[in-house]
N, C-alpha and C. Protein backbone atom coordinates (compact mmCIF):
# COMPACT_ATOMS: atom_id res chain seq x y z
N UNK A 1 -27.16 187.15 71.93
CA UNK A 1 -26.52 188.40 71.61
C UNK A 1 -27.17 189.05 70.38
N UNK A 2 -27.48 188.22 69.38
CA UNK A 2 -28.12 188.77 68.17
C UNK A 2 -29.47 189.38 68.51
N UNK A 3 -30.23 188.72 69.37
CA UNK A 3 -31.53 189.24 69.77
C UNK A 3 -31.37 190.54 70.56
N UNK A 4 -30.36 190.66 71.37
CA UNK A 4 -30.09 191.88 72.11
C UNK A 4 -29.75 193.02 71.16
N UNK A 5 -28.95 192.73 70.14
CA UNK A 5 -28.58 193.74 69.15
C UNK A 5 -29.80 194.22 68.38
N UNK A 6 -30.66 193.30 68.00
CA UNK A 6 -31.89 193.66 67.28
C UNK A 6 -32.79 194.50 68.19
N UNK A 7 -32.91 194.09 69.44
CA UNK A 7 -33.75 194.84 70.39
C UNK A 7 -33.23 196.25 70.60
N UNK A 8 -31.90 196.38 70.72
CA UNK A 8 -31.32 197.72 70.89
C UNK A 8 -31.51 198.57 69.64
N UNK A 9 -31.39 197.96 68.48
CA UNK A 9 -31.58 198.69 67.22
C UNK A 9 -33.02 199.19 67.12
N UNK A 10 -33.97 198.32 67.44
CA UNK A 10 -35.39 198.71 67.40
C UNK A 10 -35.66 199.81 68.43
N UNK A 11 -35.10 199.65 69.62
CA UNK A 11 -35.28 200.66 70.66
C UNK A 11 -34.70 202.00 70.23
N UNK A 12 -33.52 201.98 69.62
CA UNK A 12 -32.90 203.21 69.13
C UNK A 12 -33.76 203.86 68.06
N UNK A 13 -34.28 203.05 67.13
CA UNK A 13 -35.12 203.57 66.05
C UNK A 13 -36.39 204.21 66.63
N UNK A 14 -37.06 203.52 67.52
CA UNK A 14 -38.29 204.06 68.10
C UNK A 14 -38.04 205.33 68.91
N UNK A 15 -36.93 205.36 69.63
CA UNK A 15 -36.58 206.56 70.39
C UNK A 15 -36.31 207.72 69.45
N UNK A 16 -35.62 207.46 68.35
CA UNK A 16 -35.32 208.51 67.37
C UNK A 16 -36.61 209.06 66.76
N UNK A 17 -37.51 208.17 66.41
CA UNK A 17 -38.79 208.60 65.82
C UNK A 17 -39.59 209.40 66.85
N UNK A 18 -39.64 208.94 68.06
CA UNK A 18 -40.40 209.62 69.11
C UNK A 18 -39.89 211.04 69.34
N UNK A 19 -38.59 211.20 69.47
CA UNK A 19 -38.04 212.52 69.76
C UNK A 19 -37.98 213.43 68.54
N UNK A 20 -38.08 212.87 67.35
CA UNK A 20 -38.07 213.72 66.16
C UNK A 20 -39.46 214.27 65.85
N UNK A 21 -40.49 213.70 66.44
CA UNK A 21 -41.86 214.17 66.24
C UNK A 21 -42.15 215.25 67.28
N UNK A 22 -42.05 216.48 66.86
CA UNK A 22 -42.32 217.58 67.78
C UNK A 22 -43.77 218.01 67.62
N UNK A 23 -44.39 218.29 68.72
CA UNK A 23 -45.73 218.84 68.66
C UNK A 23 -45.62 220.34 68.44
N UNK A 24 -45.86 220.74 67.21
CA UNK A 24 -45.84 222.16 66.88
C UNK A 24 -47.16 222.76 67.33
N UNK A 25 -47.12 223.87 68.04
CA UNK A 25 -48.38 224.49 68.44
C UNK A 25 -49.10 225.04 67.21
N UNK A 26 -50.42 225.00 67.28
CA UNK A 26 -51.20 225.57 66.19
C UNK A 26 -50.91 227.06 66.10
N UNK A 27 -50.78 227.57 64.88
CA UNK A 27 -50.54 229.01 64.77
C UNK A 27 -51.74 229.78 65.32
N UNK A 28 -51.45 230.84 66.01
CA UNK A 28 -52.50 231.66 66.60
C UNK A 28 -53.05 232.59 65.53
N UNK A 29 -54.35 232.52 65.34
CA UNK A 29 -55.02 233.40 64.38
C UNK A 29 -55.41 234.65 65.14
N UNK A 30 -55.04 235.79 64.60
CA UNK A 30 -55.42 237.05 65.23
C UNK A 30 -56.88 237.36 64.88
N UNK A 31 -57.56 238.00 65.81
CA UNK A 31 -58.95 238.39 65.60
C UNK A 31 -59.02 239.31 64.39
N UNK A 32 -59.74 238.85 63.36
CA UNK A 32 -59.75 239.55 62.07
C UNK A 32 -61.18 239.71 61.56
N UNK A 33 -61.45 240.87 60.99
CA UNK A 33 -62.70 241.11 60.28
C UNK A 33 -62.35 241.35 58.82
N UNK A 34 -62.79 240.43 57.96
CA UNK A 34 -62.54 240.53 56.52
C UNK A 34 -63.85 240.89 55.84
N UNK A 35 -63.85 242.03 55.16
CA UNK A 35 -65.05 242.54 54.52
C UNK A 35 -64.86 242.49 53.01
N UNK A 36 -65.85 241.92 52.32
CA UNK A 36 -65.87 241.93 50.86
C UNK A 36 -67.03 242.81 50.43
N UNK A 37 -66.74 243.76 49.55
CA UNK A 37 -67.75 244.71 49.09
C UNK A 37 -68.11 244.37 47.65
N UNK A 38 -69.43 244.24 47.41
CA UNK A 38 -69.93 243.93 46.06
C UNK A 38 -71.10 244.85 45.72
N UNK A 39 -71.40 244.91 44.43
CA UNK A 39 -72.58 245.66 43.99
C UNK A 39 -73.76 244.70 43.91
N UNK A 40 -74.90 245.19 43.47
CA UNK A 40 -76.11 244.36 43.42
C UNK A 40 -76.01 243.23 42.40
N UNK A 41 -75.06 243.31 41.48
CA UNK A 41 -74.83 242.25 40.50
C UNK A 41 -73.76 241.26 40.98
N UNK A 42 -73.39 241.36 42.26
CA UNK A 42 -72.39 240.50 42.90
C UNK A 42 -70.98 240.68 42.33
N UNK A 43 -70.70 241.84 41.77
CA UNK A 43 -69.35 242.14 41.28
C UNK A 43 -68.57 242.84 42.39
N UNK A 44 -67.31 242.45 42.54
CA UNK A 44 -66.45 243.06 43.55
C UNK A 44 -66.24 244.53 43.23
N UNK A 45 -66.25 245.35 44.27
CA UNK A 45 -66.05 246.79 44.12
C UNK A 45 -64.69 247.16 44.69
N UNK A 46 -63.80 247.64 43.83
CA UNK A 46 -62.49 248.08 44.32
C UNK A 46 -62.54 249.55 44.70
N UNK A 47 -61.62 249.97 45.52
CA UNK A 47 -61.45 251.36 45.95
C UNK A 47 -62.65 251.92 46.72
N UNK A 48 -63.46 251.06 47.32
CA UNK A 48 -64.55 251.54 48.17
C UNK A 48 -63.97 251.88 49.54
N UNK A 49 -64.41 253.00 50.10
CA UNK A 49 -63.94 253.42 51.42
C UNK A 49 -64.71 252.67 52.50
N UNK A 50 -63.97 252.09 53.46
CA UNK A 50 -64.58 251.34 54.55
C UNK A 50 -64.16 251.97 55.88
N UNK A 51 -65.15 252.25 56.72
CA UNK A 51 -64.90 252.80 58.05
C UNK A 51 -65.63 251.94 59.08
N UNK A 52 -65.00 251.74 60.23
CA UNK A 52 -65.62 251.01 61.33
C UNK A 52 -65.91 251.96 62.48
N UNK A 53 -67.08 251.77 63.10
CA UNK A 53 -67.51 252.61 64.22
C UNK A 53 -67.93 251.72 65.38
N UNK A 54 -67.92 252.31 66.57
CA UNK A 54 -68.26 251.57 67.79
C UNK A 54 -69.76 251.49 68.04
N UNK A 55 -70.54 252.41 67.45
CA UNK A 55 -71.98 252.41 67.73
C UNK A 55 -72.74 253.05 66.58
N UNK A 56 -74.05 252.89 66.63
CA UNK A 56 -74.92 253.40 65.56
C UNK A 56 -74.94 254.90 65.45
N UNK A 57 -74.82 255.59 66.56
CA UNK A 57 -74.83 257.06 66.51
C UNK A 57 -73.60 257.58 65.77
N UNK A 58 -72.42 257.06 66.11
CA UNK A 58 -71.22 257.49 65.40
C UNK A 58 -71.28 257.09 63.93
N UNK A 59 -71.84 255.90 63.67
CA UNK A 59 -71.99 255.45 62.28
C UNK A 59 -72.88 256.40 61.49
N UNK A 60 -74.03 256.75 62.04
CA UNK A 60 -74.97 257.61 61.30
C UNK A 60 -74.45 259.02 61.11
N UNK A 61 -73.58 259.48 62.02
CA UNK A 61 -73.00 260.82 61.89
C UNK A 61 -71.61 260.80 61.25
N UNK A 62 -71.12 259.61 60.93
CA UNK A 62 -69.78 259.44 60.34
C UNK A 62 -68.72 260.20 61.14
N UNK A 63 -68.68 259.92 62.44
CA UNK A 63 -67.68 260.56 63.29
C UNK A 63 -67.08 259.51 64.22
N UNK A 64 -65.89 259.77 64.69
CA UNK A 64 -65.19 258.89 65.63
C UNK A 64 -64.93 257.50 65.07
N UNK A 65 -64.51 257.42 63.81
CA UNK A 65 -64.15 256.11 63.25
C UNK A 65 -63.05 255.50 64.11
N UNK A 66 -63.12 254.19 64.30
CA UNK A 66 -62.17 253.51 65.16
C UNK A 66 -60.78 253.38 64.54
N UNK A 67 -60.72 253.40 63.22
CA UNK A 67 -59.46 253.27 62.48
C UNK A 67 -59.48 254.24 61.31
N UNK A 68 -58.31 254.57 60.78
CA UNK A 68 -58.30 255.36 59.54
C UNK A 68 -59.03 254.60 58.43
N UNK A 69 -59.54 255.33 57.47
CA UNK A 69 -60.26 254.70 56.36
C UNK A 69 -59.37 253.70 55.65
N UNK A 70 -59.97 252.59 55.24
CA UNK A 70 -59.30 251.60 54.40
C UNK A 70 -60.07 251.53 53.10
N UNK A 71 -59.38 251.11 52.04
CA UNK A 71 -60.00 251.02 50.72
C UNK A 71 -59.87 249.59 50.20
N UNK A 72 -60.95 249.10 49.61
CA UNK A 72 -60.96 247.74 49.12
C UNK A 72 -59.97 247.55 47.98
N UNK A 73 -59.45 246.32 47.87
CA UNK A 73 -58.51 245.98 46.81
C UNK A 73 -59.27 245.57 45.54
N UNK A 74 -58.57 245.03 44.56
CA UNK A 74 -59.20 244.64 43.28
C UNK A 74 -60.25 243.56 43.45
N UNK A 75 -60.18 242.80 44.53
CA UNK A 75 -61.17 241.75 44.80
C UNK A 75 -62.31 242.26 45.68
N UNK A 76 -62.32 243.57 45.95
CA UNK A 76 -63.35 244.15 46.80
C UNK A 76 -63.17 243.84 48.27
N UNK A 77 -61.94 243.49 48.66
CA UNK A 77 -61.70 243.06 50.04
C UNK A 77 -60.86 244.04 50.83
N UNK A 78 -61.14 244.06 52.12
CA UNK A 78 -60.35 244.82 53.08
C UNK A 78 -60.39 244.03 54.40
N UNK A 79 -59.28 244.04 55.13
CA UNK A 79 -59.23 243.30 56.39
C UNK A 79 -58.73 244.19 57.52
N UNK A 80 -59.32 243.97 58.67
CA UNK A 80 -58.87 244.60 59.91
C UNK A 80 -58.35 243.45 60.78
N UNK A 81 -57.06 243.47 61.08
CA UNK A 81 -56.40 242.36 61.77
C UNK A 81 -55.99 242.77 63.18
N UNK A 82 -56.12 241.84 64.10
CA UNK A 82 -55.74 242.03 65.50
C UNK A 82 -56.58 243.15 66.13
N UNK A 83 -57.89 243.01 65.98
CA UNK A 83 -58.82 244.01 66.51
C UNK A 83 -59.58 243.44 67.70
N UNK A 84 -60.28 244.31 68.40
CA UNK A 84 -61.04 243.91 69.58
C UNK A 84 -62.24 243.03 69.20
N UNK A 85 -62.62 242.20 70.13
CA UNK A 85 -63.81 241.35 69.95
C UNK A 85 -65.02 242.13 70.44
N UNK A 86 -65.59 242.90 69.54
CA UNK A 86 -66.74 243.74 69.84
C UNK A 86 -67.62 243.80 68.61
N UNK A 87 -68.76 244.43 68.73
CA UNK A 87 -69.61 244.66 67.57
C UNK A 87 -69.11 245.90 66.83
N UNK A 88 -69.08 245.83 65.53
CA UNK A 88 -68.64 246.97 64.71
C UNK A 88 -69.77 247.42 63.79
N UNK A 89 -69.90 248.72 63.69
CA UNK A 89 -70.79 249.34 62.72
C UNK A 89 -69.93 249.73 61.52
N UNK A 90 -70.40 249.41 60.32
CA UNK A 90 -69.57 249.51 59.12
C UNK A 90 -70.20 250.48 58.12
N UNK A 91 -69.40 251.42 57.65
CA UNK A 91 -69.84 252.34 56.60
C UNK A 91 -68.98 252.08 55.37
N UNK A 92 -69.65 251.83 54.24
CA UNK A 92 -68.94 251.60 52.98
C UNK A 92 -69.51 252.56 51.95
N UNK A 93 -68.61 253.25 51.25
CA UNK A 93 -69.05 254.18 50.20
C UNK A 93 -68.09 254.15 49.02
N UNK A 94 -68.67 254.29 47.85
CA UNK A 94 -67.88 254.54 46.64
C UNK A 94 -68.78 255.35 45.71
N UNK A 95 -68.37 256.58 45.46
CA UNK A 95 -69.21 257.47 44.65
C UNK A 95 -70.56 257.62 45.30
N UNK A 96 -71.63 257.35 44.54
CA UNK A 96 -72.99 257.46 45.10
C UNK A 96 -73.50 256.13 45.63
N UNK A 97 -72.65 255.11 45.70
CA UNK A 97 -73.04 253.81 46.24
C UNK A 97 -72.67 253.73 47.72
N UNK A 98 -73.55 253.09 48.51
CA UNK A 98 -73.26 252.92 49.94
C UNK A 98 -74.04 251.74 50.49
N UNK A 99 -73.81 251.42 51.75
CA UNK A 99 -74.49 250.31 52.41
C UNK A 99 -75.53 250.77 53.43
N UNK A 100 -76.02 251.96 53.29
CA UNK A 100 -76.92 252.51 54.29
C UNK A 100 -78.22 251.73 54.42
N UNK A 101 -78.62 251.00 53.40
CA UNK A 101 -79.88 250.26 53.44
C UNK A 101 -79.67 248.75 53.40
N UNK A 102 -78.42 248.33 53.64
CA UNK A 102 -78.12 246.89 53.67
C UNK A 102 -77.37 246.58 54.97
N UNK A 103 -76.38 245.74 54.93
CA UNK A 103 -75.63 245.36 56.12
C UNK A 103 -74.85 246.55 56.66
N UNK A 104 -75.06 246.88 57.94
CA UNK A 104 -74.37 248.01 58.53
C UNK A 104 -73.58 247.67 59.78
N UNK A 105 -73.74 246.43 60.29
CA UNK A 105 -72.99 246.06 61.49
C UNK A 105 -72.73 244.56 61.51
N UNK A 106 -71.89 244.16 62.46
CA UNK A 106 -71.51 242.75 62.55
C UNK A 106 -72.52 241.89 63.31
N UNK A 107 -73.59 242.48 63.81
CA UNK A 107 -74.62 241.75 64.55
C UNK A 107 -74.04 240.98 65.73
N UNK A 108 -73.35 241.70 66.56
CA UNK A 108 -72.74 241.11 67.75
C UNK A 108 -71.23 241.16 67.67
N UNK A 109 -70.61 240.81 68.76
CA UNK A 109 -69.15 240.85 68.83
C UNK A 109 -68.56 239.78 67.92
N UNK A 110 -67.47 240.13 67.24
CA UNK A 110 -66.79 239.13 66.44
C UNK A 110 -65.97 238.24 67.37
N UNK A 111 -65.82 236.97 67.03
CA UNK A 111 -65.13 236.05 67.94
C UNK A 111 -63.62 236.25 67.95
N UNK A 112 -63.02 235.95 69.08
CA UNK A 112 -61.58 236.08 69.24
C UNK A 112 -60.85 234.98 68.46
N UNK A 113 -59.67 235.34 67.97
CA UNK A 113 -58.76 234.40 67.32
C UNK A 113 -59.39 233.64 66.16
N UNK A 114 -60.23 234.34 65.42
CA UNK A 114 -60.87 233.78 64.22
C UNK A 114 -60.94 234.87 63.16
N UNK A 115 -61.12 234.45 61.92
CA UNK A 115 -61.36 235.38 60.83
C UNK A 115 -62.87 235.40 60.59
N UNK A 116 -63.48 236.55 60.81
CA UNK A 116 -64.90 236.72 60.54
C UNK A 116 -65.03 237.36 59.16
N UNK A 117 -65.75 236.70 58.27
CA UNK A 117 -65.91 237.21 56.91
C UNK A 117 -67.32 237.76 56.74
N UNK A 118 -67.40 238.91 56.11
CA UNK A 118 -68.67 239.59 55.92
C UNK A 118 -68.70 240.17 54.50
N UNK A 119 -69.78 239.90 53.78
CA UNK A 119 -69.96 240.49 52.46
C UNK A 119 -71.00 241.59 52.57
N UNK A 120 -70.66 242.76 52.05
CA UNK A 120 -71.55 243.91 52.11
C UNK A 120 -71.89 244.34 50.69
N UNK A 121 -73.18 244.47 50.43
CA UNK A 121 -73.66 244.94 49.13
C UNK A 121 -73.89 246.44 49.22
N UNK A 122 -73.32 247.17 48.26
CA UNK A 122 -73.59 248.61 48.22
C UNK A 122 -74.44 248.91 47.00
N UNK A 123 -75.35 249.87 47.18
CA UNK A 123 -76.25 250.24 46.07
C UNK A 123 -76.53 251.72 46.09
């Protein structure tokens, strides 16, 4: 009888542990493009205007931006969350500084359900 009681106690404990361990699904990361804007001295640039375009022609003519303009925060960062997995052309300007001669696009489609980080130097 004592062995039966111990066996039932162990069985109850193991069952409790098993059912209390829930497999939580991994949180879904939305497709995100995070852009950090810096100057040639690697200092973050705040309040820089960032625009995304679908192609080089729209980028060069600054027309048909895919989203309203966003402005970088104090860390020089701006994020576009829950966006399409495509290639983006990026225009960044602040005063007379821009990225016209540096990084201008994502070099291919950004991956789904990941955060793609890109640093852009403006000069």
